[in-house]
Amino acid sequence: MLSPGDDDEERPVTATIDLTDDDAHAALEARAARGQDKPSLIGLDRAELAEALAKIGVPEKQRKMRVQQLWHWLYVRGVDDFMAMTNVARELRETLAAHYVIGRPEIVEEQISADGTRKWLLRFPSRGAGKPVEVETVYIPEEGRGTLCISSQVGCTLNCSFCHTGTQMLVRNLTAEEILAQLMTARDRLGDFPGADTPMGAIVPAEGRKVSNIVMMGMGEPLYNFEAVKKALLIAADGDGLALSKRRITLSTSGVVPEIGRTGSEIGVMLAISLHAANDALRDLLVPINKKYPLKELIASCKAYPGLSNARRITFEYVMLKGVNDSLSHARDLIKLLKGIPAKINLIPFNPWPGTAFECSDWETIGKFADFINAAGYASPIRTPRGRDILAACGQLKSESERMRKSDRLALEAMMIAGHGAE
């Protein structure tokens, strides 16, 4: 069970780094304008990279070698400028720069929580007649690992009643490039790519990285953007590039049943289910997608998940809502529902946001709920709230394209102060 929080006088102070001063903003806008009509090489698989090279006249007999070079520079070294690719002929570098881009999104704002959590507001340039879009990405440092929470959509269609992100309408799906760019931007900001003086051919250790795990738990429903998410995650897991273990990649879904089996067979990552209720009547209210894919279908798809075993358990996420889903009878129903599934149950203290009618369950209630589930043989860790002070915690993400009003910020702060002693 979590320990009580500090008193109000010791409340953490949040640092916000504003990256949008006039000069920097103008430079970023100019850079984006110069490259917005050029396709990006980020997010292309090897076959597509070969096609891109063919379009600029690279002879067929050279393409495999050039693809290997590009892959190394993009995903091992993390460069964002073709001119940094020192073992590529200068003429080819210039040709690549004339036709393609490999840059990063604009960082509109970086916020650093008192607990070390970082949140970036990223702006991606317009595509065709579309407008620039913004998403939030969160980095959570922990003992022995660092987890990056990645968004898959701008906004969300699911309208889960307890989730702040669900109050923002869906704008569009993110591309594979934009999904990967969140990971690459985080590594840039954290100094997680090899230094410029790292010798060519040197082995880059997989351990000790600042970003060791990624979770598709940011804005949006990943399985409503399956192809782009699949492409991005397979590149992230490629052993010759970003090289993240598939066992350190978790995809969280609210229950898009038809795509769950494909996630296991075609991507092969760890699965998390945003469950939050153990009966259809309550889940219909909390997670409306349940009306389309009720619990019977969802649980059947989990039992059939490819690779499911005690070593590869499914994580079920359960937000603790005071007086709504936190009684011992709810815990009993949850155990009955998940019988026969190798599972871990993450209990998530509800994270407040302006305008919500929900409250977090009392810590004593959460502790009893966890003890009951543990006694039934399921691991049920209580997720430590991280980044609440910068709206970076679970269920709090929302693109700043819908700017939070000052009154909303004050309301959030008041809620946090009022509830601080209870934590």
Protein backbone atom coordinates (compact mmCIF):
# COMPACT_ATOMS: atom_id res chain seq x y z
CA MET A 1 0.00 0.00 0.00
CA LEU A 2 1.21 3.51 -0.73
CA SER A 3 2.52 5.64 2.06
CA PRO A 4 0.77 8.90 3.02
CA GLY A 5 1.77 12.03 1.17
CA ASP A 6 3.56 15.05 2.54
CA ASP A 7 1.68 17.87 4.16
CA ASP A 8 0.65 20.94 2.20
CA GLU A 9 3.65 23.02 3.20
CA GLU A 10 5.94 20.49 1.57
CA ARG A 11 3.97 20.26 -1.68
CA PRO A 12 6.24 19.71 -4.71
CA VAL A 13 7.06 22.54 -7.03
CA THR A 14 6.60 21.99 -10.73
CA ALA A 15 9.12 23.31 -13.24
CA THR A 16 7.90 24.39 -16.65
CA ILE A 17 10.38 25.02 -19.44
CA ASP A 18 8.81 27.30 -22.02
CA LEU A 19 10.37 26.54 -25.37
CA THR A 20 8.29 29.03 -27.32
CA ASP A 21 10.15 32.31 -26.96
CA ASP A 22 9.91 34.48 -30.07
CA ASP A 23 13.30 33.67 -31.60
CA ALA A 24 13.12 29.92 -31.01
CA HIS A 25 9.51 29.75 -32.15
CA ALA A 26 10.28 31.66 -35.35
CA ALA A 27 13.21 29.37 -36.12
CA LEU A 28 11.11 26.26 -35.59
CA GLU A 29 8.30 27.63 -37.72
CA ALA A 30 10.71 28.47 -40.53
CA ARG A 31 12.29 25.04 -40.32
CA ALA A 32 8.90 23.35 -40.42
CA ALA A 33 7.79 25.49 -43.36
CA ARG A 34 10.89 24.54 -45.36
CA GLY A 35 10.31 20.85 -44.85
CA GLN A 36 6.55 20.48 -44.68
CA ASP A 37 6.23 19.60 -48.36
CA LYS A 38 8.88 16.89 -48.13
CA PRO A 39 8.11 13.34 -46.98
CA SER A 40 9.91 12.02 -43.92
CA LEU A 41 12.08 8.91 -43.86
CA ILE A 42 11.20 8.32 -40.21
CA GLY A 43 8.64 5.54 -39.94
CA LEU A 44 9.46 3.83 -43.22
CA ASP A 45 10.34 0.14 -43.12
CA ARG A 46 13.38 -1.13 -45.01
CA ALA A 47 11.48 -1.88 -48.22
CA GLU A 48 10.00 1.62 -48.21
CA LEU A 49 13.41 3.14 -47.54
CA ALA A 50 14.74 1.28 -50.59
CA GLU A 51 11.86 2.69 -52.66
CA ALA A 52 12.65 6.19 -51.40
CA LEU A 53 16.26 5.78 -52.48
CA ALA A 54 15.18 4.47 -55.89
CA LYS A 55 13.10 7.63 -56.41
CA ILE A 56 16.20 9.81 -56.09
CA GLY A 57 18.30 7.69 -58.41
CA VAL A 58 20.31 5.46 -56.08
CA PRO A 59 21.38 2.42 -58.18
CA GLU A 60 19.70 -0.86 -57.22
CA LYS A 61 23.00 -2.56 -56.36
CA GLN A 62 23.71 0.13 -53.73
CA ARG A 63 20.30 0.29 -52.09
CA LYS A 64 20.68 -2.49 -49.52
CA MET A 65 23.90 -0.95 -48.21
CA ARG A 66 22.41 2.55 -48.19
CA VAL A 67 19.31 1.34 -46.36
CA GLN A 68 21.54 -0.20 -43.68
CA GLN A 69 23.43 3.07 -43.38
CA LEU A 70 20.27 5.15 -43.08
CA TRP A 71 18.73 2.74 -40.57
CA HIS A 72 21.83 2.98 -38.37
CA TRP A 73 21.96 6.76 -38.48
CA LEU A 74 18.24 7.21 -37.86
CA TYR A 75 17.62 4.61 -35.17
CA VAL A 76 20.97 3.83 -33.53
CA ARG A 77 22.63 7.24 -33.69
CA GLY A 78 19.42 9.29 -33.69
CA VAL A 79 20.60 12.00 -36.07
CA ASP A 80 18.14 14.59 -37.34
CA ASP A 81 20.34 16.07 -40.07
CA PHE A 82 21.49 14.25 -43.20
CA MET A 83 24.81 16.12 -43.07
CA ALA A 84 25.69 14.22 -39.86
CA MET A 85 25.76 10.92 -41.77
CA THR A 86 29.51 11.02 -42.21
CA ASN A 87 29.98 7.68 -43.97
CA VAL A 88 27.47 8.60 -46.68
CA ALA A 89 28.82 10.40 -49.76
CA ARG A 90 28.25 14.14 -49.55
CA GLU A 91 26.45 14.24 -52.90
CA LEU A 92 23.95 11.65 -51.68
CA ARG A 93 23.47 13.49 -48.39
CA GLU A 94 22.65 16.66 -50.28
CA THR A 95 20.24 14.79 -52.56
CA LEU A 96 18.52 13.23 -49.57
CA ALA A 97 18.19 16.62 -47.88
CA ALA A 98 16.68 18.10 -51.05
CA HIS A 99 13.93 15.49 -51.18
CA TYR A 100 13.28 14.21 -47.64
CA VAL A 101 13.27 15.22 -43.98
CA ILE A 102 14.30 13.38 -40.80
CA GLY A 103 13.64 16.12 -38.27
CA ARG A 104 11.69 16.15 -35.03
CA PRO A 105 8.39 17.76 -34.10
CA GLU A 106 8.37 21.17 -32.47
CA ILE A 107 8.51 21.01 -28.69
CA VAL A 108 5.96 23.60 -27.63
CA GLU A 109 6.40 23.04 -23.93
CA GLU A 110 8.32 20.79 -21.56
CA GLN A 111 7.12 20.37 -17.99
CA ILE A 112 9.06 18.61 -15.25
CA SER A 113 7.22 17.34 -12.20
CA ALA A 114 8.69 17.40 -8.73
CA ASP A 115 8.87 13.59 -8.92
CA GLY A 116 10.98 13.70 -12.09
CA THR A 117 8.18 12.92 -14.54
CA ARG A 118 8.48 14.91 -17.77
CA LYS A 119 5.71 15.88 -20.14
CA TRP A 120 6.26 17.24 -23.63
CA LEU A 121 3.67 19.01 -25.74
CA LEU A 122 4.69 18.22 -29.33
CA ARG A 123 3.44 19.96 -32.45
CA PHE A 124 3.52 18.13 -35.76
CA PRO A 125 3.37 20.12 -39.02
CA SER A 126 0.35 20.21 -41.29
CA ARG A 127 -0.20 17.44 -43.79
CA GLY A 128 -1.63 18.57 -47.11
CA ALA A 129 -4.61 20.80 -46.37
CA GLY A 130 -4.67 19.81 -42.70
CA LYS A 131 -3.61 21.92 -39.74
CA PRO A 132 -0.68 21.34 -37.39
CA VAL A 133 -1.65 19.04 -34.52
CA GLU A 134 -0.44 18.65 -30.95
CA VAL A 135 -0.05 15.63 -28.68
CA GLU A 136 1.39 14.97 -25.25
CA THR A 137 4.11 12.45 -24.41
CA VAL A 138 5.16 11.54 -20.87
CA TYR A 139 8.41 10.12 -19.48
CA ILE A 140 8.35 8.41 -16.08
CA PRO A 141 11.74 7.63 -14.48
CA GLU A 142 11.75 4.79 -11.96
CA GLU A 143 14.34 2.72 -10.16
CA GLY A 144 15.92 0.46 -12.77
CA ARG A 145 13.88 1.66 -15.74
CA GLY A 146 12.39 4.61 -17.56
CA THR A 147 8.98 4.39 -19.20
CA LEU A 148 7.74 6.53 -22.07
CA CYS A 149 3.99 6.91 -22.49
CA ILE A 150 3.25 7.43 -26.20
CA SER A 151 0.12 8.77 -27.89
CA SER A 152 -1.46 7.15 -30.94
CA GLN A 153 -4.17 9.69 -31.82
CA VAL A 154 -4.85 13.39 -31.48
CA GLY A 155 -7.83 13.31 -29.15
CA CYS A 156 -9.98 10.23 -28.63
CA THR A 157 -13.37 8.84 -29.62
CA LEU A 158 -13.99 6.59 -26.63
CA ASN A 159 -15.41 9.14 -24.16
CA CYS A 160 -14.49 7.16 -21.05
CA SER A 161 -16.27 9.10 -18.35
CA PHE A 162 -13.33 9.32 -15.92
CA CYS A 163 -10.69 10.30 -18.51
CA HIS A 164 -9.64 13.86 -19.33
CA THR A 165 -8.35 12.88 -22.77
CA GLY A 166 -11.81 11.63 -23.67
CA THR A 167 -13.19 15.17 -23.36
CA GLN A 168 -11.20 16.16 -26.46
CA MET A 169 -12.73 15.11 -29.76
CA LEU A 170 -10.68 13.01 -32.16
CA VAL A 171 -8.77 15.14 -34.65
CA ARG A 172 -6.94 12.40 -36.52
CA ASN A 173 -4.76 9.31 -36.23
CA LEU A 174 -1.02 9.78 -35.87
CA THR A 175 1.24 8.32 -38.53
CA ALA A 176 3.97 5.77 -37.83
CA GLU A 177 6.45 8.62 -38.22
CA GLU A 178 4.67 10.71 -35.57
CA ILE A 179 4.44 7.79 -33.15
CA LEU A 180 8.15 7.02 -33.51
CA ALA A 181 9.05 10.71 -33.34
CA GLN A 182 7.74 10.83 -29.77
CA LEU A 183 10.26 8.16 -28.77
CA MET A 184 13.09 9.79 -30.68
CA THR A 185 12.33 13.25 -29.29
CA ALA A 186 12.34 11.88 -25.75
CA ARG A 187 15.70 10.23 -26.36
CA ASP A 188 17.03 13.50 -27.73
CA ARG A 189 15.89 15.47 -24.68
CA LEU A 190 17.19 12.84 -22.25
CA GLY A 191 20.55 12.36 -23.97
CA ASP A 192 19.67 8.75 -24.66
CA PHE A 193 21.28 8.41 -28.09
CA PRO A 194 25.04 7.69 -28.41
CA GLY A 195 27.22 10.80 -28.24
CA ALA A 196 28.66 12.29 -31.39
CA ASP A 197 32.10 11.03 -30.37
CA THR A 198 30.97 7.38 -30.04
CA PRO A 199 33.12 5.44 -32.52
CA MET A 200 31.42 4.00 -35.57
CA GLY A 201 30.72 0.31 -35.07
CA ALA A 202 30.83 0.56 -31.28
CA ILE A 203 28.34 -1.64 -29.47
CA VAL A 204 25.63 0.49 -27.88
CA PRO A 205 24.45 -1.18 -24.66
CA ALA A 206 20.79 -2.10 -24.38
CA GLU A 207 20.91 -1.75 -20.59
CA GLY A 208 21.27 1.55 -18.84
CA ARG A 209 19.13 3.45 -21.28
CA LYS A 210 16.98 6.23 -19.92
CA VAL A 211 14.04 5.02 -22.06
CA SER A 212 13.92 1.28 -21.44
CA ASN A 213 10.17 0.71 -21.73
CA ILE A 214 7.40 2.19 -23.83
CA VAL A 215 3.67 2.02 -23.28
CA MET A 216 0.98 2.89 -25.79
CA MET A 217 -1.10 4.50 -23.07
CA GLY A 218 -1.10 8.13 -24.14
CA MET A 219 -3.80 9.98 -26.02
CA GLY A 220 -6.11 7.85 -28.15
CA GLU A 221 -7.02 4.20 -28.67
CA PRO A 222 -4.06 2.41 -30.31
CA LEU A 223 -6.17 -0.32 -31.87
CA TYR A 224 -8.23 2.24 -33.77
CA ASN A 225 -4.95 3.14 -35.49
CA PHE A 226 -3.66 -0.41 -35.82
CA GLU A 227 -1.51 -0.26 -38.96
CA ALA A 228 0.44 2.85 -37.96
CA VAL A 229 0.94 1.58 -34.41
CA LYS A 230 2.05 -1.82 -35.68
CA LYS A 231 4.56 -0.28 -38.07
CA ALA A 232 5.99 2.06 -35.44
CA LEU A 233 6.31 -0.63 -32.76
CA LEU A 234 7.99 -3.10 -35.09
CA ILE A 235 10.58 -0.44 -35.95
CA ALA A 236 11.02 0.38 -32.26
CA ALA A 237 11.64 -3.32 -31.55
CA ASP A 238 14.02 -3.87 -34.47
CA GLY A 239 17.27 -5.27 -33.09
CA ASP A 240 19.43 -3.28 -35.50
CA GLY A 241 17.95 0.06 -34.51
CA LEU A 242 16.07 1.31 -31.46
CA ALA A 243 16.18 -2.29 -30.22
CA LEU A 244 13.53 -2.23 -27.50
CA SER A 245 12.53 -5.68 -26.30
CA LYS A 246 8.93 -6.58 -27.15
CA ARG A 247 8.56 -7.61 -23.53
CA ARG A 248 9.27 -3.98 -22.62
CA ILE A 249 6.60 -2.65 -24.97
CA THR A 250 3.00 -2.62 -23.72
CA LEU A 251 -0.04 -1.74 -25.78
CA SER A 252 -3.10 -0.68 -23.81
CA THR A 253 -6.58 -0.95 -25.30
CA SER A 254 -10.03 -0.20 -23.96
CA GLY A 255 -11.25 -3.34 -25.70
CA VAL A 256 -11.24 -3.20 -29.50
CA VAL A 257 -11.86 -6.93 -29.65
CA PRO A 258 -11.29 -7.61 -33.38
CA GLU A 259 -7.73 -6.23 -33.21
CA ILE A 260 -6.60 -7.86 -29.95
CA GLY A 261 -5.60 -11.17 -31.53
CA ARG A 262 -3.79 -9.33 -34.33
CA THR A 263 -1.82 -7.40 -31.73
CA GLY A 264 -0.40 -10.63 -30.37
CA SER A 265 0.20 -12.37 -33.68
CA GLU A 266 1.42 -9.42 -35.78
CA ILE A 267 3.16 -7.19 -33.23
CA GLY A 268 3.90 -9.56 -30.35
CA VAL A 269 4.02 -7.00 -27.56
CA MET A 270 2.62 -7.12 -24.05
CA LEU A 271 -1.10 -6.41 -23.71
CA ALA A 272 -2.91 -4.22 -21.20
CA ILE A 273 -6.68 -3.88 -20.95
CA SER A 274 -8.34 -0.75 -19.56
CA LEU A 275 -11.00 -2.66 -17.65
CA HIS A 276 -12.22 -0.54 -14.71
CA ALA A 277 -15.38 -2.59 -14.09
CA ALA A 278 -16.27 -6.27 -13.84
CA ASN A 279 -19.88 -6.13 -15.01
CA ASP A 280 -21.38 -4.80 -18.23
CA ALA A 281 -23.83 -2.36 -16.64
CA LEU A 282 -21.09 -0.41 -14.87
CA ARG A 283 -18.52 -0.75 -17.66
CA ASP A 284 -21.07 0.59 -20.16
CA LEU A 285 -21.07 3.80 -18.13
CA LEU A 286 -17.33 4.05 -17.49
CA VAL A 287 -15.98 2.67 -20.79
CA PRO A 288 -18.69 3.12 -23.46
CA ILE A 289 -16.91 0.90 -26.02
CA ASN A 290 -18.18 -1.94 -23.82
CA LYS A 291 -21.59 -1.50 -25.46
CA LYS A 292 -20.02 -2.57 -28.76
CA TYR A 293 -17.66 -5.21 -27.36
CA PRO A 294 -19.11 -6.47 -24.04
CA LEU A 295 -17.09 -8.22 -21.38
CA LYS A 296 -17.86 -11.74 -22.60
CA GLU A 297 -16.24 -10.99 -25.98
CA LEU A 298 -13.38 -9.04 -24.42
CA ILE A 299 -12.47 -11.77 -21.95
CA ALA A 300 -12.66 -14.43 -24.67
CA SER A 301 -10.20 -12.45 -26.80
CA CYS A 302 -7.85 -12.16 -23.81
CA LYS A 303 -7.94 -15.90 -23.14
CA ALA A 304 -7.01 -16.47 -26.80
CA TYR A 305 -4.22 -13.87 -26.86
CA PRO A 306 -1.19 -15.31 -28.74
CA GLY A 307 1.73 -16.06 -26.44
CA LEU A 308 -0.31 -15.75 -23.25
CA SER A 309 1.39 -17.50 -20.33
CA ASN A 310 2.37 -16.97 -16.72
CA ALA A 311 5.55 -15.36 -18.03
CA ARG A 312 3.60 -13.14 -20.45
CA ARG A 313 0.60 -12.05 -18.43
CA ILE A 314 -2.06 -9.59 -19.48
CA THR A 315 -2.23 -6.45 -17.36
CA PHE A 316 -5.72 -5.32 -16.43
CA GLU A 317 -5.93 -1.64 -15.49
CA TYR A 318 -8.50 -0.67 -12.90
CA VAL A 319 -8.97 2.95 -11.89
CA MET A 320 -10.19 3.33 -8.33
CA LEU A 321 -13.28 5.56 -8.20
CA LYS A 322 -14.74 6.39 -4.81
CA GLY A 323 -18.13 4.80 -4.26
CA VAL A 324 -18.31 3.61 -7.88
CA ASN A 325 -16.19 0.47 -8.38
CA ASP A 326 -14.14 0.10 -5.20
CA SER A 327 -16.11 -2.19 -2.88
CA LEU A 328 -15.07 -5.71 -1.93
CA SER A 329 -18.04 -7.04 -3.93
CA HIS A 330 -16.52 -5.34 -6.98
CA ALA A 331 -13.19 -7.02 -6.17
CA ARG A 332 -14.96 -10.39 -5.88
CA ASP A 333 -16.60 -9.88 -9.29
CA LEU A 334 -13.25 -8.93 -10.78
CA ILE A 335 -11.58 -12.12 -9.59
CA LYS A 336 -14.45 -14.20 -10.95
CA LEU A 337 -14.28 -12.42 -14.32
CA LEU A 338 -10.55 -13.00 -14.80
CA LYS A 339 -10.50 -16.63 -13.64
CA GLY A 340 -8.21 -18.69 -15.86
CA ILE A 341 -6.32 -15.74 -17.37
CA PRO A 342 -2.64 -15.25 -16.41
CA ALA A 343 -3.03 -11.68 -15.23
CA LYS A 344 -1.75 -8.78 -13.20
CA ILE A 345 -4.24 -6.19 -11.97
CA ASN A 346 -2.92 -2.63 -11.79
CA LEU A 347 -4.93 -0.53 -9.35
CA ILE A 348 -4.81 3.11 -10.43
CA PRO A 349 -5.76 5.84 -7.96
CA PHE A 350 -8.02 8.23 -9.86
CA ASN A 351 -6.18 11.34 -11.02
CA PRO A 352 -8.28 14.52 -10.82
CA TRP A 353 -8.88 16.96 -13.66
CA PRO A 354 -10.96 20.13 -13.94
CA GLY A 355 -14.68 19.46 -14.29
CA THR A 356 -14.70 15.81 -13.26
CA ALA A 357 -17.40 14.51 -10.95
CA PHE A 358 -15.31 11.53 -9.81
CA GLU A 359 -13.16 11.27 -6.70
CA CYS A 360 -10.29 8.95 -5.88
CA SER A 361 -11.06 6.09 -3.53
CA ASP A 362 -9.73 6.46 0.00
CA TRP A 363 -6.32 4.87 0.52
CA GLU A 364 -7.69 2.49 3.13
CA THR A 365 -10.29 1.30 0.62
CA ILE A 366 -7.67 0.83 -2.09
CA GLY A 367 -5.48 -1.11 0.31
CA LYS A 368 -8.30 -3.49 1.28
CA PHE A 369 -9.21 -3.96 -2.39
CA ALA A 370 -5.57 -4.82 -3.21
CA ASP A 371 -5.27 -7.21 -0.26
CA PHE A 372 -8.40 -9.06 -1.35
CA ILE A 373 -7.10 -9.53 -4.89
CA ASN A 374 -3.64 -10.56 -3.69
CA ALA A 375 -5.20 -13.18 -1.44
CA ALA A 376 -6.92 -14.63 -4.51
CA GLY A 377 -3.54 -15.15 -6.17
CA TYR A 378 -3.29 -12.11 -8.42
CA ALA A 379 -0.55 -9.51 -8.24
CA SER A 380 -2.29 -6.19 -7.69
CA PRO A 381 0.23 -3.36 -7.38
CA ILE A 382 -1.11 0.08 -6.60
CA ARG A 383 0.25 2.43 -9.22
CA THR A 384 2.04 5.35 -7.64
CA PRO A 385 0.53 8.57 -9.02
CA ARG A 386 3.24 10.30 -11.06
CA GLY A 387 3.20 13.74 -12.63
CA ARG A 388 -0.16 14.80 -11.23
CA ASP A 389 1.14 18.33 -10.68
CA ILE A 390 1.70 18.75 -14.44
CA LEU A 391 -1.41 16.81 -15.58
CA ALA A 392 0.83 13.97 -16.78
CA ALA A 393 -0.75 11.15 -14.80
CA CYS A 394 -2.98 8.39 -16.14
CA GLY A 395 -6.18 9.80 -17.63
CA GLN A 396 -5.00 13.42 -17.46
CA LEU A 397 -3.44 13.91 -20.90
CA LYS A 398 -5.12 16.38 -23.19
CA SER A 399 -3.62 18.24 -26.12
CA GLU A 400 -2.97 21.87 -25.38
CA SER A 401 -4.58 22.70 -28.72
CA GLU A 402 -7.48 23.01 -26.28
CA ARG A 403 -5.66 25.30 -23.87
CA MET A 404 -6.45 24.96 -20.22
CA ARG A 405 -8.01 28.11 -18.91
CA LYS A 406 -6.49 29.80 -15.89
CA SER A 407 -9.64 29.06 -13.89
CA ASP A 408 -9.26 25.35 -14.72
CA ARG A 409 -5.65 25.36 -13.55
CA LEU A 410 -6.68 26.99 -10.28
CA ALA A 411 -9.49 24.48 -9.86
CA LEU A 412 -7.07 21.59 -10.37
CA GLU A 413 -4.64 23.04 -7.84
CA ALA A 414 -7.46 23.44 -5.32
CA MET A 415 -8.49 19.80 -5.82
CA MET A 416 -4.93 18.63 -5.32
CA ILE A 417 -4.47 20.68 -2.16
CA ALA A 418 -7.81 19.50 -0.75
CA GLY A 419 -6.98 15.86 -1.39
CA HIS A 420 -3.30 16.01 -0.51
CA GLY A 421 -3.61 14.94 3.09
CA ALA A 422 -5.58 11.84 2.09
CA GLU A 423 -2.70 10.54 0.02
